[in-house]
Amino acid sequence: MKKLTEHDFDKEHKDLINETQQALAAQPKVRIFIPSDRDVWEGSINGLTLLIKTNEYVSVPEDVATLIGNNTKVLRDSAKAMEKFNDGGPKVATL
């Protein structure tokens, strides 16, 4: 079995990013709108960094739209779950 070197890893990583770019480029595009107080939405797929403008309509590959939708749902669900610990909600302990 060949031992992977840092060069081998870098090449495999770059190949994966390239394959991901090609796969996303081949997908149908959908128009989305990401409301945010930030200028861009940041994410990644297989090491490919994604920077998507917010507060305007943009066309993105279907899988990117799905990723953004899933991310938004997780953030919304997490915020809702934390509501009971904010402000007047029950406390685990008093510090």
PDB file of N, CA and C in Angstrom:
ATOM      1  N   MET A   1       0.836  -1.174   0.000  1.00  0.00           N
ATOM      2  CA  MET A   1       0.000   0.000   0.000  1.00  0.00           C
ATOM      3  C   MET A   1       0.884   1.241   0.000  1.00  0.00           C
ATOM      4  N   LYS A   2       0.611   2.139  -0.912  1.00  0.00           N
ATOM      5  CA  LYS A   2       1.400   3.363  -1.029  1.00  0.00           C
ATOM      6  C   LYS A   2       0.996   4.350   0.065  1.00  0.00           C
ATOM      7  N   LYS A   3       2.003   4.930   0.688  1.00  0.00           N
ATOM      8  CA  LYS A   3       1.747   5.941   1.702  1.00  0.00           C
ATOM      9  C   LYS A   3       1.469   7.275   1.004  1.00  0.00           C
ATOM     10  N   LEU A   4       0.375   7.917   1.397  1.00  0.00           N
ATOM     11  CA  LEU A   4       0.030   9.208   0.796  1.00  0.00           C
ATOM     12  C   LEU A   4       0.944  10.296   1.330  1.00  0.00           C
ATOM     13  N   THR A   5       1.446  11.100   0.431  1.00  0.00           N
ATOM     14  CA  THR A   5       2.246  12.249   0.826  1.00  0.00           C
ATOM     15  C   THR A   5       1.342  13.477   0.850  1.00  0.00           C
ATOM     16  N   GLU A   6       1.867  14.564   1.369  1.00  0.00           N
ATOM     17  CA  GLU A   6       1.100  15.814   1.379  1.00  0.00           C
ATOM     18  C   GLU A   6       0.760  16.225  -0.051  1.00  0.00           C
ATOM     19  N   HIS A   7       1.695  16.004  -0.976  1.00  0.00           N
ATOM     20  CA  HIS A   7       1.455  16.330  -2.386  1.00  0.00           C
ATOM     21  C   HIS A   7       0.298  15.502  -2.940  1.00  0.00           C
ATOM     22  N   ASP A   8       0.276  14.191  -2.610  1.00  0.00           N
ATOM     23  CA  ASP A   8      -0.814  13.320  -3.062  1.00  0.00           C
ATOM     24  C   ASP A   8      -2.152  13.810  -2.521  1.00  0.00           C
ATOM     25  N   PHE A   9      -2.165  14.156  -1.232  1.00  0.00           N
ATOM     26  CA  PHE A   9      -3.396  14.636  -0.614  1.00  0.00           C
ATOM     27  C   PHE A   9      -3.863  15.918  -1.292  1.00  0.00           C
ATOM     28  N   ASP A  10      -2.943  16.857  -1.514  1.00  0.00           N
ATOM     29  CA  ASP A  10      -3.299  18.118  -2.170  1.00  0.00           C
ATOM     30  C   ASP A  10      -3.875  17.870  -3.555  1.00  0.00           C
ATOM     31  N   LYS A  11      -3.269  16.943  -4.308  1.00  0.00           N
ATOM     32  CA  LYS A  11      -3.766  16.652  -5.648  1.00  0.00           C
ATOM     33  C   LYS A  11      -5.163  16.047  -5.583  1.00  0.00           C
ATOM     34  N   GLU A  12      -5.371  15.085  -4.671  1.00  0.00           N
ATOM     35  CA  GLU A  12      -6.696  14.471  -4.535  1.00  0.00           C
ATOM     36  C   GLU A  12      -7.732  15.506  -4.113  1.00  0.00           C
ATOM     37  N   HIS A  13      -7.341  16.411  -3.225  1.00  0.00           N
ATOM     38  CA  HIS A  13      -8.245  17.465  -2.764  1.00  0.00           C
ATOM     39  C   HIS A  13      -8.604  18.391  -3.922  1.00  0.00           C
ATOM     40  N   LYS A  14      -7.606  18.783  -4.697  1.00  0.00           N
ATOM     41  CA  LYS A  14      -7.862  19.655  -5.853  1.00  0.00           C
ATOM     42  C   LYS A  14      -8.729  18.946  -6.883  1.00  0.00           C
ATOM     43  N   ASP A  15      -8.484  17.653  -7.086  1.00  0.00           N
ATOM     44  CA  ASP A  15      -9.309  16.879  -8.025  1.00  0.00           C
ATOM     45  C   ASP A  15     -10.762  16.835  -7.556  1.00  0.00           C
ATOM     46  N   LEU A  16     -10.973  16.632  -6.258  1.00  0.00           N
ATOM     47  CA  LEU A  16     -12.326  16.587  -5.705  1.00  0.00           C
ATOM     48  C   LEU A  16     -13.028  17.934  -5.880  1.00  0.00           C
ATOM     49  N   ILE A  17     -12.312  19.015  -5.621  1.00  0.00           N
ATOM     50  CA  ILE A  17     -12.891  20.349  -5.804  1.00  0.00           C
ATOM     51  C   ILE A  17     -13.255  20.558  -7.266  1.00  0.00           C
ATOM     52  N   ASN A  18     -12.377  20.157  -8.179  1.00  0.00           N
ATOM     53  CA  ASN A  18     -12.641  20.302  -9.610  1.00  0.00           C
ATOM     54  C   ASN A  18     -13.864  19.486 -10.028  1.00  0.00           C
ATOM     55  N   GLU A  19     -13.952  18.247  -9.546  1.00  0.00           N
ATOM     56  CA  GLU A  19     -15.111  17.399  -9.862  1.00  0.00           C
ATOM     57  C   GLU A  19     -16.399  18.019  -9.320  1.00  0.00           C
ATOM     58  N   THR A  20     -16.317  18.587  -8.131  1.00  0.00           N
ATOM     59  CA  THR A  20     -17.489  19.232  -7.529  1.00  0.00           C
ATOM     60  C   THR A  20     -17.916  20.436  -8.353  1.00  0.00           C
ATOM     61  N   GLN A  21     -16.949  21.253  -8.785  1.00  0.00           N
ATOM     62  CA  GLN A  21     -17.266  22.409  -9.633  1.00  0.00           C
ATOM     63  C   GLN A  21     -17.955  21.962 -10.915  1.00  0.00           C
ATOM     64  N   GLN A  22     -17.436  20.917 -11.539  1.00  0.00           N
ATOM     65  CA  GLN A  22     -18.025  20.423 -12.785  1.00  0.00           C
ATOM     66  C   GLN A  22     -19.438  19.890 -12.560  1.00  0.00           C
ATOM     67  N   ALA A  23     -19.632  19.155 -11.473  1.00  0.00           N
ATOM     68  CA  ALA A  23     -20.959  18.604 -11.177  1.00  0.00           C
ATOM     69  C   ALA A  23     -21.967  19.722 -10.923  1.00  0.00           C
ATOM     70  N   LEU A  24     -21.561  20.740 -10.185  1.00  0.00           N
ATOM     71  CA  LEU A  24     -22.469  21.858  -9.910  1.00  0.00           C
ATOM     72  C   LEU A  24     -22.763  22.652 -11.177  1.00  0.00           C
ATOM     73  N   ALA A  25     -21.761  22.819 -12.026  1.00  0.00           N
ATOM     74  CA  ALA A  25     -21.955  23.562 -13.277  1.00  0.00           C
ATOM     75  C   ALA A  25     -22.941  22.854 -14.198  1.00  0.00           C
ATOM     76  N   ALA A  26     -23.011  21.531 -14.110  1.00  0.00           N
ATOM     77  CA  ALA A  26     -23.898  20.755 -14.978  1.00  0.00           C
ATOM     78  C   ALA A  26     -25.346  20.727 -14.475  1.00  0.00           C
ATOM     79  N   GLN A  27     -25.561  21.145 -13.247  1.00  0.00           N
ATOM     80  CA  GLN A  27     -26.912  21.093 -12.675  1.00  0.00           C
ATOM     81  C   GLN A  27     -27.784  22.239 -13.174  1.00  0.00           C
ATOM     82  N   PRO A  28     -29.105  22.008 -13.193  1.00  0.00           N
ATOM     83  CA  PRO A  28     -30.023  23.113 -13.481  1.00  0.00           C
ATOM     84  C   PRO A  28     -29.874  24.185 -12.396  1.00  0.00           C
ATOM     85  N   LYS A  29     -30.069  25.416 -12.789  1.00  0.00           N
ATOM     86  CA  LYS A  29     -29.963  26.533 -11.847  1.00  0.00           C
ATOM     87  C   LYS A  29     -31.355  26.930 -11.363  1.00  0.00           C
ATOM     88  N   VAL A  30     -31.398  27.413 -10.128  1.00  0.00           N
ATOM     89  CA  VAL A  30     -32.632  27.939  -9.559  1.00  0.00           C
ATOM     90  C   VAL A  30     -32.341  29.324  -8.996  1.00  0.00           C
ATOM     91  N   ARG A  31     -33.359  30.180  -9.024  1.00  0.00           N
ATOM     92  CA  ARG A  31     -33.193  31.528  -8.464  1.00  0.00           C
ATOM     93  C   ARG A  31     -33.617  31.500  -7.004  1.00  0.00           C
ATOM     94  N   ILE A  32     -32.764  32.081  -6.168  1.00  0.00           N
ATOM     95  CA  ILE A  32     -33.057  32.131  -4.738  1.00  0.00           C
ATOM     96  C   ILE A  32     -32.796  33.538  -4.218  1.00  0.00           C
ATOM     97  N   PHE A  33     -33.337  33.806  -3.052  1.00  0.00           N
ATOM     98  CA  PHE A  33     -33.113  35.069  -2.352  1.00  0.00           C
ATOM     99  C   PHE A  33     -32.751  34.707  -0.921  1.00  0.00           C
ATOM    100  N   ILE A  34     -31.605  35.188  -0.456  1.00  0.00           N
ATOM    101  CA  ILE A  34     -31.151  34.903   0.905  1.00  0.00           C
ATOM    102  C   ILE A  34     -31.186  36.205   1.704  1.00  0.00           C
ATOM    103  N   PRO A  35     -32.199  36.387   2.554  1.00  0.00           N
ATOM    104  CA  PRO A  35     -32.208  37.592   3.384  1.00  0.00           C
ATOM    105  C   PRO A  35     -31.157  37.463   4.486  1.00  0.00           C
ATOM    106  N   SER A  36     -30.385  38.505   4.692  1.00  0.00           N
ATOM    107  CA  SER A  36     -29.326  38.432   5.698  1.00  0.00           C
ATOM    108  C   SER A  36     -28.822  39.825   6.030  1.00  0.00           C
ATOM    109  N   ASP A  37     -28.218  39.959   7.215  1.00  0.00           N
ATOM    110  CA  ASP A  37     -27.556  41.210   7.570  1.00  0.00           C
ATOM    111  C   ASP A  37     -26.088  41.177   7.141  1.00  0.00           C
ATOM    112  N   ARG A  38     -25.683  40.095   6.480  1.00  0.00           N
ATOM    113  CA  ARG A  38     -24.322  39.976   5.952  1.00  0.00           C
ATOM    114  C   ARG A  38     -24.355  40.145   4.436  1.00  0.00           C
ATOM    115  N   ASP A  39     -23.227  40.495   3.857  1.00  0.00           N
ATOM    116  CA  ASP A  39     -23.145  40.699   2.406  1.00  0.00           C
ATOM    117  C   ASP A  39     -23.182  39.392   1.624  1.00  0.00           C
ATOM    118  N   VAL A  40     -22.639  38.326   2.216  1.00  0.00           N
ATOM    119  CA  VAL A  40     -22.587  37.044   1.517  1.00  0.00           C
ATOM    120  C   VAL A  40     -22.950  35.905   2.459  1.00  0.00           C
ATOM    121  N   TRP A  41     -23.484  34.838   1.865  1.00  0.00           N
ATOM    122  CA  TRP A  41     -23.683  33.579   2.578  1.00  0.00           C
ATOM    123  C   TRP A  41     -22.447  32.748   2.286  1.00  0.00           C
ATOM    124  N   GLU A  42     -21.864  32.152   3.314  1.00  0.00           N
ATOM    125  CA  GLU A  42     -20.656  31.351   3.143  1.00  0.00           C
ATOM    126  C   GLU A  42     -20.940  29.890   3.458  1.00  0.00           C
ATOM    127  N   GLY A  43     -20.422  29.005   2.623  1.00  0.00           N
ATOM    128  CA  GLY A  43     -20.553  27.578   2.849  1.00  0.00           C
ATOM    129  C   GLY A  43     -19.532  26.842   2.010  1.00  0.00           C
ATOM    130  N   SER A  44     -19.599  25.517   2.038  1.00  0.00           N
ATOM    131  CA  SER A  44     -18.687  24.737   1.201  1.00  0.00           C
ATOM    132  C   SER A  44     -19.290  23.370   0.915  1.00  0.00           C
ATOM    133  N   ILE A  45     -18.891  22.819  -0.214  1.00  0.00           N
ATOM    134  CA  ILE A  45     -19.253  21.460  -0.606  1.00  0.00           C
ATOM    135  C   ILE A  45     -17.967  20.774  -1.040  1.00  0.00           C
ATOM    136  N   ASN A  46     -17.610  19.686  -0.371  1.00  0.00           N
ATOM    137  CA  ASN A  46     -16.399  18.919  -0.709  1.00  0.00           C
ATOM    138  C   ASN A  46     -15.153  19.798  -0.801  1.00  0.00           C
ATOM    139  N   GLY A  47     -15.057  20.788   0.076  1.00  0.00           N
ATOM    140  CA  GLY A  47     -13.893  21.657   0.085  1.00  0.00           C
ATOM    141  C   GLY A  47     -13.980  22.840  -0.857  1.00  0.00           C
ATOM    142  N   LEU A  48     -15.015  22.896  -1.687  1.00  0.00           N
ATOM    143  CA  LEU A  48     -15.225  24.020  -2.598  1.00  0.00           C
ATOM    144  C   LEU A  48     -15.931  25.125  -1.828  1.00  0.00           C
ATOM    145  N   THR A  49     -15.263  26.257  -1.641  1.00  0.00           N
ATOM    146  CA  THR A  49     -15.846  27.372  -0.907  1.00  0.00           C
ATOM    147  C   THR A  49     -16.903  28.062  -1.754  1.00  0.00           C
ATOM    148  N   LEU A  50     -18.040  28.349  -1.123  1.00  0.00           N
ATOM    149  CA  LEU A  50     -19.142  29.028  -1.794  1.00  0.00           C
ATOM    150  C   LEU A  50     -19.391  30.362  -1.110  1.00  0.00           C
ATOM    151  N   LEU A  51     -19.403  31.430  -1.880  1.00  0.00           N
ATOM    152  CA  LEU A  51     -19.749  32.759  -1.389  1.00  0.00           C
ATOM    153  C   LEU A  51     -20.897  33.253  -2.260  1.00  0.00           C
ATOM    154  N   ILE A  52     -22.092  33.360  -1.684  1.00  0.00           N
ATOM    155  CA  ILE A  52     -23.294  33.715  -2.429  1.00  0.00           C
ATOM    156  C   ILE A  52     -23.801  35.064  -1.929  1.00  0.00           C
ATOM    157  N   LYS A  53     -24.039  36.004  -2.850  1.00  0.00           N
ATOM    158  CA  LYS A  53     -24.559  37.314  -2.460  1.00  0.00           C
ATOM    159  C   LYS A  53     -25.908  37.162  -1.779  1.00  0.00           C
ATOM    160  N   THR A  54     -26.137  37.992  -0.777  1.00  0.00           N
ATOM    161  CA  THR A  54     -27.412  37.973  -0.074  1.00  0.00           C
ATOM    162  C   THR A  54     -28.211  39.226  -0.416  1.00  0.00           C
ATOM    163  N   ASN A  55     -29.484  39.211  -0.052  1.00  0.00           N
ATOM    164  CA  ASN A  55     -30.391  40.349  -0.234  1.00  0.00           C
ATOM    165  C   ASN A  55     -30.594  40.746  -1.684  1.00  0.00           C
ATOM    166  N   GLU A  56     -30.409  39.800  -2.581  1.00  0.00           N
ATOM    167  CA  GLU A  56     -30.745  39.979  -3.993  1.00  0.00           C
ATOM    168  C   GLU A  56     -30.958  38.594  -4.598  1.00  0.00           C
ATOM    169  N   TYR A  57     -31.711  38.542  -5.683  1.00  0.00           N
ATOM    170  CA  TYR A  57     -31.950  37.256  -6.339  1.00  0.00           C
ATOM    171  C   TYR A  57     -30.696  36.817  -7.078  1.00  0.00           C
ATOM    172  N   VAL A  58     -30.327  35.548  -6.898  1.00  0.00           N
ATOM    173  CA  VAL A  58     -29.166  34.966  -7.575  1.00  0.00           C
ATOM    174  C   VAL A  58     -29.537  33.584  -8.093  1.00  0.00           C
ATOM    175  N   SER A  59     -28.876  33.152  -9.152  1.00  0.00           N
ATOM    176  CA  SER A  59     -29.068  31.803  -9.689  1.00  0.00           C
ATOM    177  C   SER A  59     -27.956  30.908  -9.164  1.00  0.00           C
ATOM    178  N   VAL A  60     -28.355  29.767  -8.631  1.00  0.00           N
ATOM    179  CA  VAL A  60     -27.387  28.815  -8.079  1.00  0.00           C
ATOM    180  C   VAL A  60     -27.773  27.406  -8.511  1.00  0.00           C
ATOM    181  N   PRO A  61     -26.815  26.477  -8.524  1.00  0.00           N
ATOM    182  CA  PRO A  61     -27.147  25.077  -8.816  1.00  0.00           C
ATOM    183  C   PRO A  61     -28.132  24.533  -7.775  1.00  0.00           C
ATOM    184  N   GLU A  62     -28.941  23.559  -8.189  1.00  0.00           N
ATOM    185  CA  GLU A  62     -29.958  22.990  -7.294  1.00  0.00           C
ATOM    186  C   GLU A  62     -29.381  22.509  -5.964  1.00  0.00           C
ATOM    187  N   ASP A  63     -28.228  21.823  -5.998  1.00  0.00           N
ATOM    188  CA  ASP A  63     -27.649  21.308  -4.754  1.00  0.00           C
ATOM    189  C   ASP A  63     -27.209  22.431  -3.820  1.00  0.00           C
ATOM    190  N   VAL A  64     -26.780  23.552  -4.377  1.00  0.00           N
ATOM    191  CA  VAL A  64     -26.403  24.697  -3.547  1.00  0.00           C
ATOM    192  C   VAL A  64     -27.653  25.268  -2.879  1.00  0.00           C
ATOM    193  N   ALA A  65     -28.752  25.370  -3.632  1.00  0.00           N
ATOM    194  CA  ALA A  65     -30.010  25.853  -3.058  1.00  0.00           C
ATOM    195  C   ALA A  65     -30.472  24.930  -1.928  1.00  0.00           C
ATOM    196  N   THR A  66     -30.328  23.623  -2.119  1.00  0.00           N
ATOM    197  CA  THR A  66     -30.703  22.658  -1.080  1.00  0.00           C
ATOM    198  C   THR A  66     -29.835  22.840   0.157  1.00  0.00           C
ATOM    199  N   LEU A  67     -28.528  23.005  -0.046  1.00  0.00           N
ATOM    200  CA  LEU A  67     -27.605  23.215   1.068  1.00  0.00           C
ATOM    201  C   LEU A  67     -27.992  24.462   1.855  1.00  0.00           C
ATOM    202  N   ILE A  68     -28.281  25.554   1.157  1.00  0.00           N
ATOM    203  CA  ILE A  68     -28.649  26.805   1.819  1.00  0.00           C
ATOM    204  C   ILE A  68     -29.962  26.631   2.581  1.00  0.00           C
ATOM    205  N   GLY A  69     -30.924  25.948   1.964  1.00  0.00           N
ATOM    206  CA  GLY A  69     -32.195  25.701   2.637  1.00  0.00           C
ATOM    207  C   GLY A  69     -32.025  24.870   3.896  1.00  0.00           C
ATOM    208  N   ASN A  70     -31.208  23.822   3.820  1.00  0.00           N
ATOM    209  CA  ASN A  70     -30.957  22.978   4.996  1.00  0.00           C
ATOM    210  C   ASN A  70     -30.246  23.763   6.090  1.00  0.00           C
ATOM    211  N   ASN A  71     -29.281  24.590   5.700  1.00  0.00           N
ATOM    212  CA  ASN A  71     -28.543  25.408   6.655  1.00  0.00           C
ATOM    213  C   ASN A  71     -29.485  26.380   7.356  1.00  0.00           C
ATOM    214  N   THR A  72     -30.366  27.001   6.592  1.00  0.00           N
ATOM    215  CA  THR A  72     -31.323  27.952   7.156  1.00  0.00           C
ATOM    216  C   THR A  72     -32.251  27.254   8.145  1.00  0.00           C
ATOM    217  N   LYS A  73     -32.696  26.043   7.803  1.00  0.00           N
ATOM    218  CA  LYS A  73     -33.583  25.284   8.699  1.00  0.00           C
ATOM    219  C   LYS A  73     -32.867  24.933  10.002  1.00  0.00           C
ATOM    220  N   VAL A  74     -31.623  24.509   9.917  1.00  0.00           N
ATOM    221  CA  VAL A  74     -30.865  24.169  11.125  1.00  0.00           C
ATOM    222  C   VAL A  74     -30.709  25.399  12.014  1.00  0.00           C
ATOM    223  N   LEU A  75     -30.383  26.546  11.419  1.00  0.00           N
ATOM    224  CA  LEU A  75     -30.226  27.771  12.207  1.00  0.00           C
ATOM    225  C   LEU A  75     -31.538  28.170  12.873  1.00  0.00           C
ATOM    226  N   ARG A  76     -32.638  28.077  12.130  1.00  0.00           N
ATOM    227  CA  ARG A  76     -33.958  28.434  12.664  1.00  0.00           C
ATOM    228  C   ARG A  76     -34.352  27.477  13.797  1.00  0.00           C
ATOM    229  N   ASP A  77     -34.163  26.165  13.577  1.00  0.00           N
ATOM    230  CA  ASP A  77     -34.503  25.177  14.603  1.00  0.00           C
ATOM    231  C   ASP A  77     -33.642  25.348  15.856  1.00  0.00           C
ATOM    232  N   SER A  78     -32.364  25.656  15.670  1.00  0.00           N
ATOM    233  CA  SER A  78     -31.467  25.854  16.809  1.00  0.00           C
ATOM    234  C   SER A  78     -31.877  27.079  17.620  1.00  0.00           C
ATOM    235  N   ALA A  79     -32.217  28.160  16.922  1.00  0.00           N
ATOM    236  CA  ALA A  79     -32.646  29.378  17.612  1.00  0.00           C
ATOM    237  C   ALA A  79     -33.918  29.113  18.415  1.00  0.00           C
ATOM    238  N   LYS A  80     -34.846  28.363  17.823  1.00  0.00           N
ATOM    239  CA  LYS A  80     -36.096  28.037  18.523  1.00  0.00           C
ATOM    240  C   LYS A  80     -35.812  27.184  19.758  1.00  0.00           C
ATOM    241  N   ALA A  81     -34.927  26.213  19.636  1.00  0.00           N
ATOM    242  CA  ALA A  81     -34.591  25.345  20.766  1.00  0.00           C
ATOM    243  C   ALA A  81     -33.925  26.130  21.898  1.00  0.00           C
ATOM    244  N   MET A  82     -33.197  27.182  21.563  1.00  0.00           N
ATOM    245  CA  MET A  82     -32.492  27.968  22.572  1.00  0.00           C
ATOM    246  C   MET A  82     -33.383  29.003  23.245  1.00  0.00           C
ATOM    247  N   GLU A  83     -34.564  29.279  22.679  1.00  0.00           N
ATOM    248  CA  GLU A  83     -35.453  30.296  23.249  1.00  0.00           C
ATOM    249  C   GLU A  83     -35.733  30.047  24.725  1.00  0.00           C
ATOM    250  N   LYS A  84     -35.921  28.797  25.109  1.00  0.00           N
ATOM    251  CA  LYS A  84     -36.263  28.499  26.499  1.00  0.00           C
ATOM    252  C   LYS A  84     -35.125  28.814  27.466  1.00  0.00           C
ATOM    253  N   PHE A  85     -33.912  28.969  26.953  1.00  0.00           N
ATOM    254  CA  PHE A  85     -32.783  29.284  27.817  1.00  0.00           C
ATOM    255  C   PHE A  85     -32.435  30.770  27.810  1.00  0.00           C
ATOM    256  N   ASN A  86     -33.103  31.533  26.972  1.00  0.00           N
ATOM    257  CA  ASN A  86     -32.842  32.967  26.876  1.00  0.00           C
ATOM    258  C   ASN A  86     -33.828  33.741  27.737  1.00  0.00           C
ATOM    259  N   ASP A  87     -33.417  34.892  28.186  1.00  0.00           N
ATOM    260  CA  ASP A  87     -34.256  35.814  28.952  1.00  0.00           C
ATOM    261  C   ASP A  87     -34.919  35.137  30.146  1.00  0.00           C
ATOM    262  N   GLY A  88     -36.248  35.072  30.164  1.00  0.00           N
ATOM    263  CA  GLY A  88     -36.965  34.587  31.338  1.00  0.00           C
ATOM    264  C   GLY A  88     -37.156  33.094  31.398  1.00  0.00           C
ATOM    265  N   GLY A  89     -36.555  32.347  30.492  1.00  0.00           N
ATOM    266  CA  GLY A  89     -36.755  30.903  30.466  1.00  0.00           C
ATOM    267  C   GLY A  89     -36.057  30.199  31.617  1.00  0.00           C
ATOM    268  N   PRO A  90     -36.283  28.894  31.737  1.00  0.00           N
ATOM    269  CA  PRO A  90     -35.664  28.131  32.829  1.00  0.00           C
ATOM    270  C   PRO A  90     -34.142  28.110  32.705  1.00  0.00           C
ATOM    271  N   LYS A  91     -33.494  28.060  33.830  1.00  0.00           N
ATOM    272  CA  LYS A  91     -32.032  28.042  33.861  1.00  0.00           C
ATOM    273  C   LYS A  91     -31.554  26.693  34.389  1.00  0.00           C
ATOM    274  N   VAL A  92     -30.437  26.246  33.891  1.00  0.00           N
ATOM    275  CA  VAL A  92     -29.843  25.001  34.364  1.00  0.00           C
ATOM    276  C   VAL A  92     -29.204  25.232  35.727  1.00  0.00           C
ATOM    277  N   ALA A  93     -28.514  26.365  35.877  1.00  0.00           N
ATOM    278  CA  ALA A  93     -27.850  26.691  37.139  1.00  0.00           C
ATOM    279  C   ALA A  93     -27.680  28.196  37.234  1.00  0.00           C
ATOM    280  N   THR A  94     -27.550  28.685  38.433  1.00  0.00           N
ATOM    281  CA  THR A  94     -27.285  30.100  38.644  1.00  0.00           C
ATOM    282  C   THR A  94     -25.796  30.263  38.889  1.00  0.00           C
ATOM    283  N   LEU A  95     -25.185  31.155  38.143  1.00  0.00           N
ATOM    284  CA  LEU A  95     -23.746  31.391  38.321  1.00  0.00           C
ATOM    285  C   LEU A  95     -23.519  32.598  39.180  1.00  0.00           C
TER     286      LEU A  95
END
